[in-house]
Amino acid sequence: MASIIRSAKSGSDWTENELDAYNIHVVYQNAPTFFQVPTLPSATVHHDILHSTGSAQATDPAVYQVLRTMELAMFANTEESAVDDFAFLLLQALGYLPIGRVVRTRKDLPLVICGEQRHAQTDVCIVDAASILLLVQEDKKQADGGDPIPQLVAEAIGAFQSNNLTRVQALGLDPLPAKIIPGITMKGTSPIFFKIPVSAELTAAVRGGCYPHTPTVIHAHLPTIPRPAERWNEGMKPLDNRAIILSCFEAFKQFVN
């Protein structure tokens, strides 16, 4: 893999080739191992988000918005913004946005790669005053053929670079040598969760277009649902799927810090 040709690419152009080129590997884990809990917790979310079969049943405006955007995000030919809107409202409903945090969409992250300035643009991210805390990347394979996992990894590297720049230039702190950046990919309403360790060695390798000798191992979790064959078609619409997926979101909250 060290002989792979590396070139300066923006995050939206990253493919599995870039993962191989920078010694990055994705390993899937079961729920207890990935979330570091013996059993998934119940989601701390409005009762009707868990138990309403559709937005027509909603009586609370906030619940209606979550359920309606969920429905809109499930269409195969949906607009990209529908998935982003749903992700934002869902994170808000699940308590990912205490005071001090906000959601940003289309946030541009400078990405230095192979000695050149490029960019990685998030679909949705959570930020506080000093850091990018969580990344959400939509799966756009049907629209443009892009693979969301390499794109998410590029964004995590850009977020690490950006966070360290803020630490040094704005806060007068030393840069972090490494940080786990949590991320989520969304295909419609179906998520995959990631813990992406970004190190100074990996960042330097990307910046210089070099092969890092130390592998970067990303841990991922694909929620186990009752009908996995229908995962991408049904998403969170069935109530049993929804309960499990929302429990995964609840357990993942601990890594957003």
Protein backbone atom coordinates (compact mmCIF):
# COMPACT_ATOMS: atom_id res chain seq x y z
CA MET A 1 0.00 0.00 0.00
CA ALA A 2 2.96 2.32 0.49
CA SER A 3 3.39 2.44 -3.30
CA ILE A 4 -0.11 3.81 -3.96
CA ILE A 5 0.00 7.14 -5.77
CA ARG A 6 -1.29 9.92 -3.50
CA SER A 7 -2.69 13.19 -4.76
CA ALA A 8 -4.22 16.31 -3.29
CA LYS A 9 -7.96 15.62 -3.07
CA SER A 10 -10.82 17.40 -1.36
CA GLY A 11 -12.80 15.36 1.14
CA SER A 12 -15.72 14.83 -1.25
CA ASP A 13 -13.33 13.03 -3.65
CA TRP A 14 -11.90 10.59 -1.11
CA THR A 15 -12.43 6.89 -1.86
CA GLU A 16 -11.22 3.61 -0.39
CA ASN A 17 -7.98 4.30 -2.25
CA GLU A 18 -7.21 7.11 0.21
CA LEU A 19 -7.93 4.82 3.16
CA ASP A 20 -5.44 2.29 1.77
CA ALA A 21 -2.95 5.03 0.90
CA TYR A 22 -2.87 6.30 4.49
CA ASN A 23 -3.04 2.90 6.25
CA ILE A 24 -6.60 3.41 7.52
CA HIS A 25 -8.79 0.42 8.33
CA VAL A 26 -12.43 0.08 9.44
CA VAL A 27 -13.32 -2.67 11.92
CA TYR A 28 -16.97 -3.33 12.79
CA GLN A 29 -17.88 -4.20 16.38
CA ASN A 30 -20.98 -5.41 18.16
CA ALA A 31 -22.95 -3.00 20.32
CA PRO A 32 -21.49 -3.86 23.79
CA THR A 33 -17.92 -3.62 22.49
CA PHE A 34 -18.41 -0.47 20.44
CA PHE A 35 -20.52 1.49 22.93
CA GLN A 36 -18.68 0.07 25.96
CA VAL A 37 -21.93 -0.82 27.73
CA PRO A 38 -23.39 -4.28 28.58
CA THR A 39 -26.81 -3.33 27.19
CA LEU A 40 -28.06 -0.42 25.13
CA PRO A 41 -29.75 2.33 27.18
CA SER A 42 -33.28 3.52 26.50
CA ALA A 43 -33.39 6.68 24.43
CA THR A 44 -34.17 9.83 26.42
CA VAL A 45 -36.52 11.21 23.81
CA HIS A 46 -40.17 12.25 23.68
CA HIS A 47 -42.46 9.23 24.05
CA ASP A 48 -44.23 9.93 20.76
CA ILE A 49 -40.97 9.91 18.76
CA LEU A 50 -40.52 6.33 19.90
CA HIS A 51 -44.11 5.16 19.56
CA SER A 52 -45.89 7.16 16.83
CA THR A 53 -46.18 5.38 13.50
CA GLY A 54 -46.30 8.62 11.55
CA SER A 55 -46.30 12.41 11.71
CA ALA A 56 -50.09 12.53 11.28
CA GLN A 57 -50.41 11.27 14.85
CA ALA A 58 -48.23 14.00 16.36
CA THR A 59 -49.73 16.64 18.65
CA ASP A 60 -46.44 18.25 19.71
CA PRO A 61 -44.81 20.55 17.10
CA ALA A 62 -41.27 19.36 17.88
CA VAL A 63 -42.33 15.71 17.60
CA TYR A 64 -44.11 16.44 14.32
CA GLN A 65 -40.93 17.99 12.87
CA VAL A 66 -38.81 14.95 13.75
CA LEU A 67 -41.35 12.46 12.39
CA ARG A 68 -42.12 14.44 9.26
CA THR A 69 -38.46 14.97 8.35
CA MET A 70 -37.92 11.25 9.00
CA GLU A 71 -40.60 10.48 6.42
CA LEU A 72 -39.13 12.93 3.92
CA ALA A 73 -35.62 11.53 4.40
CA MET A 74 -36.73 8.01 3.49
CA PHE A 75 -37.60 8.66 -0.15
CA ALA A 76 -35.06 7.08 -2.51
CA ASN A 77 -34.87 10.25 -4.62
CA THR A 78 -34.98 12.58 -1.65
CA GLU A 79 -33.17 15.89 -1.64
CA GLU A 80 -29.89 15.83 0.24
CA SER A 81 -31.18 18.54 2.57
CA ALA A 82 -33.98 16.25 3.81
CA VAL A 83 -31.51 13.83 5.40
CA ASP A 84 -29.52 16.71 6.87
CA ASP A 85 -32.69 18.31 8.28
CA PHE A 86 -33.69 15.02 9.87
CA ALA A 87 -30.23 14.48 11.37
CA PHE A 88 -30.26 17.95 12.93
CA LEU A 89 -33.73 17.59 14.45
CA LEU A 90 -33.00 14.08 15.71
CA LEU A 91 -29.76 15.12 17.42
CA GLN A 92 -31.62 18.01 19.01
CA ALA A 93 -34.45 15.77 20.23
CA LEU A 94 -31.96 13.30 21.71
CA GLY A 95 -30.18 15.94 23.80
CA TYR A 96 -26.98 16.25 21.79
CA LEU A 97 -27.24 20.05 21.91
CA PRO A 98 -26.98 21.38 25.47
CA ILE A 99 -26.20 25.07 25.94
CA GLY A 100 -22.81 25.77 24.45
CA ARG A 101 -23.27 23.59 21.38
CA VAL A 102 -24.85 24.31 18.02
CA VAL A 103 -25.39 22.43 14.77
CA ARG A 104 -23.66 23.61 11.62
CA THR A 105 -24.45 22.46 8.10
CA ARG A 106 -22.06 22.65 5.14
CA LYS A 107 -19.22 23.73 7.40
CA ASP A 108 -16.03 24.08 5.38
CA LEU A 109 -12.90 22.52 6.86
CA PRO A 110 -9.49 23.32 5.37
CA LEU A 111 -7.60 20.10 4.62
CA VAL A 112 -3.87 20.16 3.89
CA ILE A 113 -3.05 17.12 1.76
CA CYS A 114 0.07 16.33 -0.28
CA GLY A 115 1.38 19.80 0.47
CA GLU A 116 -1.65 21.54 -1.01
CA GLN A 117 -4.67 23.29 0.46
CA ARG A 118 -7.95 21.48 -0.15
CA HIS A 119 -11.24 21.34 1.73
CA ALA A 120 -13.57 18.88 3.41
CA GLN A 121 -17.18 20.01 3.77
CA THR A 122 -19.41 18.49 6.42
CA ASP A 123 -23.07 17.74 5.83
CA VAL A 124 -23.94 18.26 9.52
CA CYS A 125 -21.67 18.77 12.50
CA ILE A 126 -21.93 19.74 16.16
CA VAL A 127 -19.56 22.42 17.38
CA ASP A 128 -18.86 24.29 20.59
CA ALA A 129 -16.83 27.45 21.07
CA ALA A 130 -13.52 25.67 20.50
CA SER A 131 -14.02 22.37 18.72
CA ILE A 132 -15.87 20.29 16.17
CA LEU A 133 -17.41 17.53 18.27
CA LEU A 134 -19.39 15.29 15.91
CA LEU A 135 -19.61 14.77 12.14
CA VAL A 136 -22.57 13.46 10.15
CA GLN A 137 -22.10 12.46 6.52
CA GLU A 138 -24.96 11.49 4.22
CA ASP A 139 -24.56 8.44 2.01
CA LYS A 140 -24.90 9.94 -1.50
CA LYS A 141 -23.97 6.85 -3.52
CA GLN A 142 -27.25 6.93 -5.43
CA ALA A 143 -26.75 10.57 -6.34
CA ASP A 144 -23.06 10.87 -7.21
CA GLY A 145 -21.44 7.51 -6.44
CA GLY A 146 -19.46 8.92 -3.50
CA ASP A 147 -18.53 6.60 -0.64
CA PRO A 148 -19.54 8.22 2.67
CA ILE A 149 -16.96 6.46 4.85
CA PRO A 150 -13.79 7.85 3.19
CA GLN A 151 -15.52 11.25 3.01
CA LEU A 152 -16.26 11.08 6.74
CA VAL A 153 -12.64 10.15 7.47
CA ALA A 154 -11.39 13.11 5.45
CA GLU A 155 -13.70 15.39 7.43
CA ALA A 156 -12.41 13.93 10.71
CA ILE A 157 -8.83 14.69 9.68
CA GLY A 158 -9.88 18.21 8.68
CA ALA A 159 -11.70 18.61 12.01
CA PHE A 160 -8.60 17.49 13.92
CA GLN A 161 -6.45 19.99 12.03
CA SER A 162 -9.04 22.74 12.62
CA ASN A 163 -9.46 21.94 16.31
CA ASN A 164 -5.71 22.03 16.92
CA LEU A 165 -5.38 25.32 15.03
CA THR A 166 -8.02 26.81 17.33
CA ARG A 167 -6.23 25.44 20.40
CA VAL A 168 -2.92 27.01 19.39
CA GLN A 169 -3.98 30.30 17.81
CA ALA A 170 -7.11 31.21 19.78
CA LEU A 171 -6.69 29.49 23.14
CA GLY A 172 -2.90 29.46 23.56
CA LEU A 173 -2.91 25.70 24.25
CA ASP A 174 -0.69 22.94 22.96
CA PRO A 175 -2.07 20.90 20.05
CA LEU A 176 -3.54 17.54 20.92
CA PRO A 177 -1.38 14.58 19.86
CA ALA A 178 -4.47 12.49 19.11
CA LYS A 179 -8.25 12.61 19.39
CA ILE A 180 -11.14 10.28 18.65
CA ILE A 181 -13.58 12.10 16.38
CA PRO A 182 -17.08 10.58 16.53
CA GLY A 183 -18.95 10.36 13.25
CA ILE A 184 -22.15 9.01 11.73
CA THR A 185 -23.07 8.15 8.18
CA MET A 186 -26.75 8.30 7.24
CA LYS A 187 -28.38 6.46 4.36
CA GLY A 188 -31.88 7.86 4.52
CA THR A 189 -32.74 7.30 8.18
CA SER A 190 -30.32 4.38 8.73
CA PRO A 191 -27.08 5.24 10.56
CA ILE A 192 -23.67 3.66 10.97
CA PHE A 193 -21.63 4.92 13.93
CA PHE A 194 -17.86 5.51 13.87
CA LYS A 195 -15.09 6.32 16.31
CA ILE A 196 -12.28 7.79 14.20
CA PRO A 197 -8.89 8.12 15.92
CA VAL A 198 -6.90 10.92 14.34
CA SER A 199 -3.28 11.37 15.38
CA ALA A 200 -0.51 13.83 14.68
CA GLU A 201 1.26 11.06 12.74
CA LEU A 202 -1.74 10.46 10.48
CA THR A 203 -2.26 14.18 9.94
CA ALA A 204 1.41 14.66 9.06
CA ALA A 205 1.25 11.75 6.61
CA VAL A 206 -1.80 13.21 4.86
CA ARG A 207 -0.23 16.66 4.83
CA GLY A 208 2.95 15.31 3.25
CA GLY A 209 1.38 12.65 1.06
CA CYS A 210 3.26 9.85 2.83
CA TYR A 211 2.38 6.34 4.01
CA PRO A 212 2.18 6.22 7.84
CA HIS A 213 3.71 3.09 9.30
CA THR A 214 1.29 3.05 12.22
CA PRO A 215 -2.16 1.85 11.11
CA THR A 216 -5.24 3.86 12.01
CA VAL A 217 -8.04 1.50 13.10
CA ILE A 218 -11.52 2.99 12.98
CA HIS A 219 -14.19 1.20 14.99
CA ALA A 220 -17.70 1.16 13.57
CA HIS A 221 -21.12 -0.18 14.52
CA LEU A 222 -24.01 -1.04 12.23
CA PRO A 223 -27.12 -1.37 14.43
CA THR A 224 -28.58 -4.86 14.63
CA ILE A 225 -32.25 -4.59 13.64
CA PRO A 226 -35.01 -7.20 13.25
CA ARG A 227 -35.04 -7.19 9.42
CA PRO A 228 -31.51 -6.36 8.26
CA ALA A 229 -32.31 -7.18 4.61
CA GLU A 230 -34.77 -4.27 4.56
CA ARG A 231 -32.51 -1.90 6.49
CA TRP A 232 -32.00 0.72 3.79
CA ASN A 233 -35.63 0.67 2.63
CA GLU A 234 -37.35 0.71 6.02
CA GLY A 235 -34.85 2.67 8.09
CA MET A 236 -36.38 4.03 11.28
CA LYS A 237 -39.99 3.80 10.14
CA PRO A 238 -40.77 0.44 11.85
CA LEU A 239 -41.09 0.98 15.58
CA ASP A 240 -38.86 -1.96 16.51
CA ASN A 241 -36.09 -0.65 14.26
CA ARG A 242 -36.56 2.83 15.63
CA ALA A 243 -36.22 1.77 19.26
CA ILE A 244 -32.90 0.03 18.59
CA ILE A 245 -31.45 2.80 16.45
CA LEU A 246 -32.44 5.50 18.95
CA SER A 247 -30.86 3.46 21.74
CA CYS A 248 -27.65 3.42 19.70
CA PHE A 249 -27.82 7.21 19.35
CA GLU A 250 -28.32 7.45 23.13
CA ALA A 251 -25.28 5.26 23.84
CA PHE A 252 -23.16 7.17 21.29
CA LYS A 253 -23.76 10.46 23.07
CA GLN A 254 -20.99 9.68 25.59
CA PHE A 255 -18.32 10.02 22.90
CA VAL A 256 -19.35 13.56 21.87
CA ASN A 257 -17.20 15.63 24.18
